[in-house]
Amino acid sequence: MGDFWLYLALAAYFGATALWLGFFLAQREGLCRWGAWVMGGGLVCHTLGIIGRTLTLGYLPVATFGEALLVFAWALVVVFLFLNWRFPIKVLGALAAPLAALMVSGALSLPPGTGAVSPLLKSLWLSLHISLALLGNAALTLAFLGGIFYLVQERQLKGKKFGFFYRRLPSLSQLDALNYWCLTLGFPLLTAGIISGSLYAQHTLGRFWSWDPKEVLTVLAWLIYAVLVHERLTVGWRGRRAALLAICGFLVLIFAFVGANLWISGYHSFASFLKP
């Protein structure tokens, strides 16, 4: 069936985008509930599509940038739906749904990889490492989106501009709580991803650390989030500082995901996964 399930997932994510944006504009609870259900249906199709590709290829499809986008989008939707169920910040769907739709669109538009893949990609341990890292990245992406909302809402309050965004965004305390929830979920997952990757590197390459550009950037992002976790728990950092640090950490993470994989050579780059 090829990518039939992935195109269904893409249609569902665009449908969810329309519903979440409708909720953001009209503030009707019914649109919010339908947006979550449609997004959940898209996740089921997305999961079936990734399983189908995995069975066809014989490895988790992350050998190319498009494939990595596909799995990253899946992780983003999983984490968003969990947070929406457990700690609902409903307006977040107005950003998460279109972001997932755009990533799946990019994944389906980019050309597939050619040539044989590295045998390392066929390891279940590597699949675990990648899954943990991307789930952590997804949670921290939502912390970034919440941080953007926080800064916008804070600007509205300081400028005493109680207009369009003020009436539609959650309170600063709710957005700060979102930062904490995402950090509580994303930081341990990212940590587990780094540890599992180091163990796999020791097993396959004979060393835990190689100064690979993606390793360096990911650990740098981890240190930023570690500072944020420490300051929130010991000093009581809240609000603007926490939002800004979450944004800084995300910018490093996204450069590690895009830049180190596409533009900087190393054993994490997509070029190293494919052999002519």
Protein backbone atom coordinates (compact mmCIF):
# COMPACT_ATOMS: atom_id res chain seq x y z
CA MET A 1 0.00 0.00 0.00
CA GLY A 2 3.04 2.23 -0.12
CA ASP A 3 2.60 5.42 1.85
CA PHE A 4 -1.22 5.25 1.90
CA TRP A 5 -1.36 5.47 5.71
CA LEU A 6 1.04 8.40 5.77
CA TYR A 7 -1.08 10.39 3.33
CA LEU A 8 -4.13 9.66 5.49
CA ALA A 9 -2.16 10.90 8.51
CA LEU A 10 -1.20 14.05 6.60
CA ALA A 11 -4.85 14.72 5.71
CA ALA A 12 -5.82 14.20 9.36
CA TYR A 13 -3.12 16.60 10.60
CA PHE A 14 -4.26 19.30 8.18
CA GLY A 15 -7.83 18.70 9.31
CA ALA A 16 -6.73 18.96 12.94
CA THR A 17 -4.88 22.17 12.07
CA ALA A 18 -8.10 23.71 10.77
CA LEU A 19 -9.98 22.63 13.90
CA TRP A 20 -7.33 23.87 16.33
CA LEU A 21 -7.03 27.20 14.52
CA GLY A 22 -10.81 27.43 14.56
CA PHE A 23 -10.73 26.87 18.30
CA PHE A 24 -8.04 29.52 18.69
CA LEU A 25 -10.09 32.07 16.77
CA ALA A 26 -13.62 31.22 17.95
CA GLN A 27 -12.84 29.68 21.37
CA ARG A 28 -15.41 26.92 20.93
CA GLU A 29 -14.69 23.86 23.07
CA GLY A 30 -16.21 21.48 20.53
CA LEU A 31 -13.55 22.38 17.96
CA CYS A 32 -10.84 21.66 20.51
CA ARG A 33 -12.21 18.19 21.27
CA TRP A 34 -12.63 17.35 17.60
CA GLY A 35 -9.11 18.59 16.89
CA ALA A 36 -7.70 16.17 19.47
CA TRP A 37 -9.74 13.23 18.10
CA VAL A 38 -8.76 13.94 14.49
CA MET A 39 -5.13 14.30 15.50
CA GLY A 40 -5.38 10.99 17.37
CA GLY A 41 -6.76 9.33 14.24
CA GLY A 42 -3.86 10.80 12.29
CA LEU A 43 -1.45 9.35 14.84
CA VAL A 44 -2.90 5.86 14.33
CA CYS A 45 -2.41 6.18 10.56
CA HIS A 46 1.05 7.69 11.09
CA THR A 47 2.04 4.75 13.31
CA LEU A 48 0.81 2.23 10.74
CA GLY A 49 2.74 4.06 8.02
CA ILE A 50 5.99 3.99 10.00
CA ILE A 51 5.48 0.31 10.86
CA GLY A 52 4.91 -0.42 7.17
CA ARG A 53 8.10 1.39 6.16
CA THR A 54 10.06 -0.33 8.93
CA LEU A 55 8.91 -3.78 7.81
CA THR A 56 9.69 -2.96 4.18
CA LEU A 57 13.13 -1.46 4.84
CA GLY A 58 14.16 -3.70 7.71
CA TYR A 59 15.10 -0.78 9.99
CA LEU A 60 13.51 2.26 11.61
CA PRO A 61 13.22 4.80 8.74
CA VAL A 62 15.74 7.45 9.80
CA ALA A 63 18.42 7.07 7.11
CA THR A 64 17.48 10.34 5.38
CA PHE A 65 16.35 13.76 6.53
CA GLY A 66 12.84 13.10 5.21
CA GLU A 67 12.57 9.84 7.13
CA ALA A 68 13.87 11.49 10.31
CA LEU A 69 11.26 14.25 9.90
CA LEU A 70 8.59 11.58 9.63
CA VAL A 71 9.58 9.94 12.91
CA PHE A 72 10.10 13.31 14.61
CA ALA A 73 6.58 14.37 13.62
CA TRP A 74 5.24 11.11 15.07
CA ALA A 75 7.05 11.75 18.36
CA LEU A 76 5.72 15.33 18.46
CA VAL A 77 2.11 14.17 18.06
CA VAL A 78 2.53 11.43 20.70
CA VAL A 79 3.89 13.88 23.27
CA PHE A 80 1.38 16.59 22.41
CA LEU A 81 -1.63 14.27 22.77
CA PHE A 82 -0.29 12.97 26.07
CA LEU A 83 0.16 16.50 27.42
CA ASN A 84 -3.20 17.59 26.03
CA TRP A 85 -4.82 14.71 27.95
CA ARG A 86 -2.83 15.08 31.16
CA PHE A 87 -2.16 18.84 31.36
CA PRO A 88 -4.41 20.54 28.80
CA ILE A 89 -3.10 23.81 27.40
CA LYS A 90 -5.58 23.74 24.54
CA VAL A 91 -4.21 26.60 22.50
CA LEU A 92 -0.93 24.68 22.00
CA GLY A 93 -2.67 22.57 19.36
CA ALA A 94 -2.83 25.63 17.10
CA LEU A 95 0.95 25.34 16.73
CA ALA A 96 1.57 21.62 17.25
CA ALA A 97 -0.91 20.42 14.60
CA PRO A 98 0.38 22.59 11.71
CA LEU A 99 3.98 21.80 12.69
CA ALA A 100 3.25 18.07 12.49
CA ALA A 101 1.47 18.56 9.15
CA LEU A 102 4.41 20.53 7.73
CA MET A 103 6.95 17.93 8.85
CA VAL A 104 4.98 15.05 7.33
CA SER A 105 4.52 17.09 4.13
CA GLY A 106 8.27 17.62 3.97
CA ALA A 107 8.94 13.95 4.65
CA LEU A 108 6.65 12.86 1.81
CA SER A 109 8.02 15.49 -0.59
CA LEU A 110 11.72 14.84 -0.11
CA PRO A 111 13.32 12.19 -2.34
CA PRO A 112 14.04 8.80 -0.75
CA GLY A 113 17.58 7.70 -0.08
CA THR A 114 19.42 5.59 -2.62
CA GLY A 115 22.00 2.90 -2.07
CA ALA A 116 22.59 0.43 0.73
CA VAL A 117 22.27 1.56 4.34
CA SER A 118 24.79 1.13 7.09
CA PRO A 119 24.31 -2.15 9.00
CA LEU A 120 24.29 -0.07 12.22
CA LEU A 121 20.80 1.20 11.34
CA LYS A 122 19.37 -2.30 11.62
CA SER A 123 20.04 -2.55 15.33
CA LEU A 124 17.08 -2.55 17.74
CA TRP A 125 19.26 -0.77 20.29
CA LEU A 126 19.89 2.07 17.85
CA SER A 127 16.14 2.29 17.19
CA LEU A 128 15.59 2.62 20.95
CA HIS A 129 18.25 5.33 21.17
CA ILE A 130 16.70 7.31 18.31
CA SER A 131 13.15 6.90 19.64
CA LEU A 132 14.09 8.15 23.11
CA ALA A 133 16.04 11.09 21.70
CA LEU A 134 13.22 12.15 19.35
CA LEU A 135 10.55 11.84 22.05
CA GLY A 136 12.70 14.03 24.27
CA ASN A 137 13.20 16.51 21.44
CA ALA A 138 9.45 16.54 20.83
CA ALA A 139 8.65 17.39 24.46
CA LEU A 140 11.28 20.14 24.45
CA THR A 141 9.86 21.46 21.17
CA LEU A 142 6.53 21.91 22.95
CA ALA A 143 8.38 23.71 25.77
CA PHE A 144 9.76 26.05 23.09
CA LEU A 145 6.28 26.69 21.66
CA GLY A 146 4.95 27.33 25.15
CA GLY A 147 7.85 29.72 25.76
CA ILE A 148 6.90 31.70 22.65
CA PHE A 149 3.33 31.94 23.93
CA TYR A 150 4.64 33.04 27.33
CA LEU A 151 6.68 35.91 25.87
CA VAL A 152 3.76 37.05 23.71
CA GLN A 153 1.34 37.01 26.66
CA GLU A 154 3.84 38.77 28.92
CA ARG A 155 4.30 41.49 26.31
CA GLN A 156 0.54 41.95 26.13
CA LEU A 157 0.30 42.34 29.90
CA LYS A 158 3.25 44.71 30.25
CA GLY A 159 1.96 46.88 27.42
CA LYS A 160 -1.59 46.73 28.84
CA LYS A 161 -2.79 45.59 25.41
CA PHE A 162 -5.67 43.30 26.30
CA GLY A 163 -6.54 42.48 22.73
CA PHE A 164 -6.68 39.52 20.37
CA PHE A 165 -3.89 37.34 21.83
CA TYR A 166 -4.53 38.22 25.47
CA ARG A 167 -8.05 36.83 25.35
CA ARG A 168 -6.96 33.62 23.60
CA LEU A 169 -3.74 32.69 25.35
CA PRO A 170 -3.63 30.97 28.77
CA SER A 171 -2.44 32.81 31.87
CA LEU A 172 1.28 33.25 32.50
CA SER A 173 1.09 30.75 35.36
CA GLN A 174 -0.43 28.11 33.08
CA LEU A 175 2.20 28.69 30.40
CA ASP A 176 4.98 28.52 32.99
CA ALA A 177 3.48 25.23 34.22
CA LEU A 178 3.55 23.97 30.62
CA ASN A 179 7.27 24.76 30.50
CA TYR A 180 7.76 22.70 33.65
CA TRP A 181 5.66 19.74 32.43
CA CYS A 182 7.46 19.60 29.09
CA LEU A 183 10.83 19.86 30.80
CA THR A 184 9.91 17.15 33.30
CA LEU A 185 9.02 14.84 30.43
CA GLY A 186 11.60 15.86 27.83
CA PHE A 187 14.79 16.16 29.90
CA PRO A 188 14.78 12.54 31.21
CA LEU A 189 13.97 11.24 27.71
CA LEU A 190 16.79 13.26 26.17
CA THR A 191 19.12 12.03 28.91
CA ALA A 192 18.11 8.42 28.27
CA GLY A 193 18.67 8.97 24.55
CA ILE A 194 22.19 10.31 25.16
CA ILE A 195 23.09 7.46 27.53
CA SER A 196 21.73 4.75 25.22
CA GLY A 197 23.60 6.31 22.29
CA SER A 198 26.86 6.37 24.26
CA LEU A 199 26.45 2.73 25.23
CA TYR A 200 25.76 1.78 21.62
CA ALA A 201 28.81 3.76 20.45
CA GLN A 202 30.96 1.90 22.97
CA HIS A 203 29.59 -1.42 21.71
CA THR A 204 30.04 -0.67 18.00
CA LEU A 205 32.91 1.84 17.85
CA GLY A 206 34.80 0.97 21.03
CA ARG A 207 34.36 4.41 22.60
CA PHE A 208 31.61 6.31 24.46
CA TRP A 209 32.47 9.72 22.97
CA SER A 210 33.82 10.74 19.56
CA TRP A 211 33.53 14.54 19.48
CA ASP A 212 31.05 14.14 16.64
CA PRO A 213 29.37 17.52 15.91
CA LYS A 214 25.91 16.19 16.74
CA GLU A 215 27.18 14.71 20.01
CA VAL A 216 28.72 18.04 21.00
CA LEU A 217 25.62 20.06 20.10
CA THR A 218 23.25 17.63 21.81
CA VAL A 219 25.30 17.65 25.01
CA LEU A 220 25.42 21.46 24.86
CA ALA A 221 21.62 21.54 24.63
CA TRP A 222 21.44 19.00 27.47
CA LEU A 223 23.60 21.27 29.64
CA ILE A 224 21.28 24.22 28.97
CA TYR A 225 18.27 22.16 30.01
CA ALA A 226 20.18 20.78 33.01
CA VAL A 227 20.79 24.35 34.18
CA LEU A 228 17.09 25.11 33.69
CA VAL A 229 16.05 22.01 35.67
CA HIS A 230 18.50 22.84 38.47
CA GLU A 231 17.44 26.47 38.70
CA ARG A 232 13.73 25.63 38.66
CA LEU A 233 14.11 23.05 41.42
CA THR A 234 16.65 24.78 43.68
CA VAL A 235 16.36 28.52 43.04
CA GLY A 236 12.77 28.61 41.88
CA TRP A 237 13.28 30.07 38.43
CA ARG A 238 9.94 30.82 36.81
CA GLY A 239 8.44 32.82 34.03
CA ARG A 240 10.48 34.77 31.52
CA ARG A 241 13.91 33.34 32.39
CA ALA A 242 12.63 29.78 32.16
CA ALA A 243 10.90 30.52 28.83
CA LEU A 244 14.04 32.13 27.36
CA LEU A 245 16.29 29.27 28.45
CA ALA A 246 13.85 26.73 27.00
CA ILE A 247 13.97 28.64 23.71
CA CYS A 248 17.80 28.73 23.74
CA GLY A 249 18.00 25.00 24.41
CA PHE A 250 15.60 24.28 21.57
CA LEU A 251 17.60 26.38 19.09
CA VAL A 252 20.70 24.31 19.86
CA LEU A 253 18.69 21.08 19.60
CA ILE A 254 17.18 22.00 16.25
CA PHE A 255 20.60 22.92 14.89
CA ALA A 256 21.87 19.53 16.06
CA PHE A 257 18.95 17.84 14.28
CA VAL A 258 19.21 19.80 11.02
CA GLY A 259 22.68 21.31 10.78
CA ALA A 260 24.81 18.48 12.16
CA ASN A 261 22.90 15.93 10.08
CA LEU A 262 22.90 17.80 6.78
CA TRP A 263 25.75 20.28 6.68
CA ILE A 264 28.46 19.00 9.02
CA SER A 265 30.23 15.72 8.38
CA GLY A 266 30.29 13.10 11.10
CA TYR A 267 29.09 9.60 11.79
CA HIS A 268 25.66 11.00 12.74
CA SER A 269 25.20 12.73 9.38
CA PHE A 270 22.71 11.23 6.94
CA ALA A 271 25.49 10.86 4.36
CA SER A 272 27.16 8.29 6.62
CA PHE A 273 23.98 6.19 6.80
CA LEU A 274 23.79 5.58 3.02
CA LYS A 275 26.40 3.85 0.92
CA PRO A 276 26.43 4.35 -2.87
